[in-house]
Protein backbone atom coordinates (compact mmCIF):
# COMPACT_ATOMS: atom_id res chain seq x y z
CA MET A 1 -8.12 70.51 19.49
CA SER A 2 -9.65 72.05 22.63
CA PHE A 3 -10.17 75.77 23.12
CA GLY A 4 -11.52 75.61 26.67
CA CYS A 5 -14.62 77.21 28.05
CA ILE A 6 -15.82 80.79 27.88
CA LYS A 7 -18.22 81.87 30.62
CA MET A 8 -19.73 85.38 30.66
CA ASP A 9 -21.61 87.17 33.45
CA LYS A 10 -22.70 90.73 34.29
CA THR A 11 -21.49 90.64 37.90
CA PRO A 12 -17.90 90.77 39.17
CA PRO A 13 -16.41 87.35 39.89
CA LYS A 14 -16.89 86.23 43.48
CA ASP A 15 -13.36 84.78 43.66
CA MET A 16 -11.53 87.86 42.31
CA PRO A 17 -7.93 87.88 43.63
CA ALA A 18 -7.19 90.47 46.33
CA TYR A 19 -4.80 92.35 44.02
CA VAL A 20 -7.56 92.87 41.41
CA LYS A 21 -9.74 95.77 42.47
CA LEU A 22 -12.66 97.43 40.73
CA TYR A 23 -12.36 101.18 40.33
CA PRO A 24 -14.38 102.96 43.05
CA GLY A 25 -17.85 104.03 41.88
CA SER A 26 -17.64 102.07 38.63
CA THR A 27 -20.60 100.36 36.93
CA GLN A 28 -20.20 96.69 36.06
CA VAL A 29 -20.63 95.77 32.37
CA MET A 30 -19.50 92.13 32.22
CA ASN A 31 -16.93 89.59 33.26
CA MET A 32 -15.62 86.67 31.29
CA ASN A 33 -13.70 83.53 32.20
CA LEU A 34 -11.49 82.33 29.36
CA GLY A 35 -10.06 79.23 30.98
CA GLY A 36 -6.71 80.40 32.37
CA MET A 37 -7.59 84.10 32.16
CA GLU A 38 -10.35 86.20 33.69
CA ALA A 39 -11.55 89.57 32.35
CA ASP A 40 -13.84 92.19 33.86
CA ALA A 41 -15.22 95.29 32.13
CA PHE A 42 -16.83 98.33 33.68
CA THR A 43 -17.53 102.00 33.04
CA THR A 44 -16.67 105.01 35.16
CA THR A 45 -16.85 108.78 34.85
CA ALA A 46 -13.15 109.03 35.77
CA SER A 47 -10.45 110.03 33.29
CA ALA A 48 -7.97 107.53 31.86
CA ASP A 49 -5.10 109.19 33.76
CA ASP A 50 -6.96 108.97 37.10
CA ILE A 51 -7.77 105.30 36.47
CA LEU A 52 -4.17 104.39 35.58
CA THR A 53 -2.88 106.28 38.64
CA PHE A 54 -5.29 104.30 40.84
CA TYR A 55 -4.09 100.96 39.42
CA ARG A 56 -0.40 101.91 39.61
CA THR A 57 -0.84 102.85 43.29
CA GLN A 58 -2.88 99.72 44.10
CA GLY A 59 -0.48 97.49 42.18
CA ALA A 60 2.57 98.86 44.00
CA ALA A 61 0.81 98.36 47.36
CA ASP A 62 0.13 94.73 46.36
CA GLY A 63 3.73 94.03 45.27
CA LEU A 64 3.16 94.28 41.52
CA SER A 65 5.64 96.05 39.23
CA GLU A 66 4.80 97.92 36.06
CA THR A 67 6.06 96.18 32.92
CA ALA A 68 5.74 96.91 29.22
CA ALA A 69 2.09 96.39 28.27
CA PRO A 70 1.50 94.11 25.29
CA GLN A 71 0.20 95.93 22.21
CA GLN A 72 -3.55 95.43 22.00
CA ALA A 73 -4.97 94.53 18.60
CA GLY A 74 -7.40 97.15 17.33
CA ALA A 75 -6.49 99.73 19.98
CA ALA A 76 -7.71 103.25 19.19
CA ALA A 77 -5.35 106.24 19.38
CA GLY A 78 -6.69 107.43 22.77
CA ASP A 79 -6.70 104.02 24.46
CA LYS A 80 -4.27 103.60 27.35
CA GLN A 81 -3.01 100.44 28.99
CA LEU A 82 -0.96 99.29 31.92
CA ALA A 83 0.61 95.92 32.73
CA LEU A 84 1.43 94.95 36.33
CA THR A 85 3.22 91.72 37.25
CA ASP A 86 4.90 89.84 40.04
CA ALA A 87 7.26 87.28 38.50
CA ALA A 88 7.82 85.50 41.82
CA THR A 89 4.14 84.60 42.24
CA GLY A 90 2.97 84.64 38.60
CA ARG A 91 0.38 87.32 39.33
CA MET A 92 -0.46 89.56 36.38
CA LEU A 93 -2.97 92.36 35.78
CA ILE A 94 -3.55 94.17 32.48
CA VAL A 95 -5.60 97.40 32.60
CA VAL A 96 -7.00 98.85 29.35
CA VAL A 97 -8.81 102.19 29.39
CA LYS A 98 -10.89 103.37 26.45
CA PRO A 99 -12.05 106.99 26.78
CA GLN A 100 -15.79 107.46 26.19
CA THR A 101 -17.92 110.58 25.77
CA SER A 102 -18.81 110.67 29.48
CA GLY A 103 -15.91 108.85 31.12
CA SER A 104 -14.08 105.62 30.41
CA MET A 105 -14.63 101.95 29.61
CA VAL A 106 -12.12 99.86 31.56
CA SER A 107 -11.16 96.23 31.19
CA LEU A 108 -9.07 94.27 33.66
CA THR A 109 -7.50 90.96 32.68
CA TRP A 110 -5.63 88.65 35.04
CA LYS A 111 -4.28 85.11 35.23
CA VAL A 112 -6.41 82.66 37.15
CA GLN A 113 -4.18 81.19 39.86
CA PRO A 114 -4.45 77.44 40.47
CA LYS A 115 -6.37 76.58 43.59
CA ALA A 116 -4.42 74.89 46.37
CA GLY A 117 -4.37 71.14 45.87
CA SER A 118 -5.25 71.22 42.16
């Protein structure tokens, strides 16, 4: 049984898809490649509502539609999440915001798209 490879780094991925954007002024915490999925985490002083508004606006501009976000295991009462997808292209972005004392911890998760010719 193979579980794939997990690779962690403290810098944003260099090949991040154009529809995945880091929140302006955020501070990088880590990114992780989980085989077919990529995740990036960062902190910001922005509120959860401001962050979700940013991603809704960016997602709509990139042709992504809001869908029902999957329930996250262990989510705290104040955590907020957003799921954006484009069924035609298979693009998907999940945004999870965890309020902190001085802002928010944000994680973005997206599907890694196959490279042309692979």
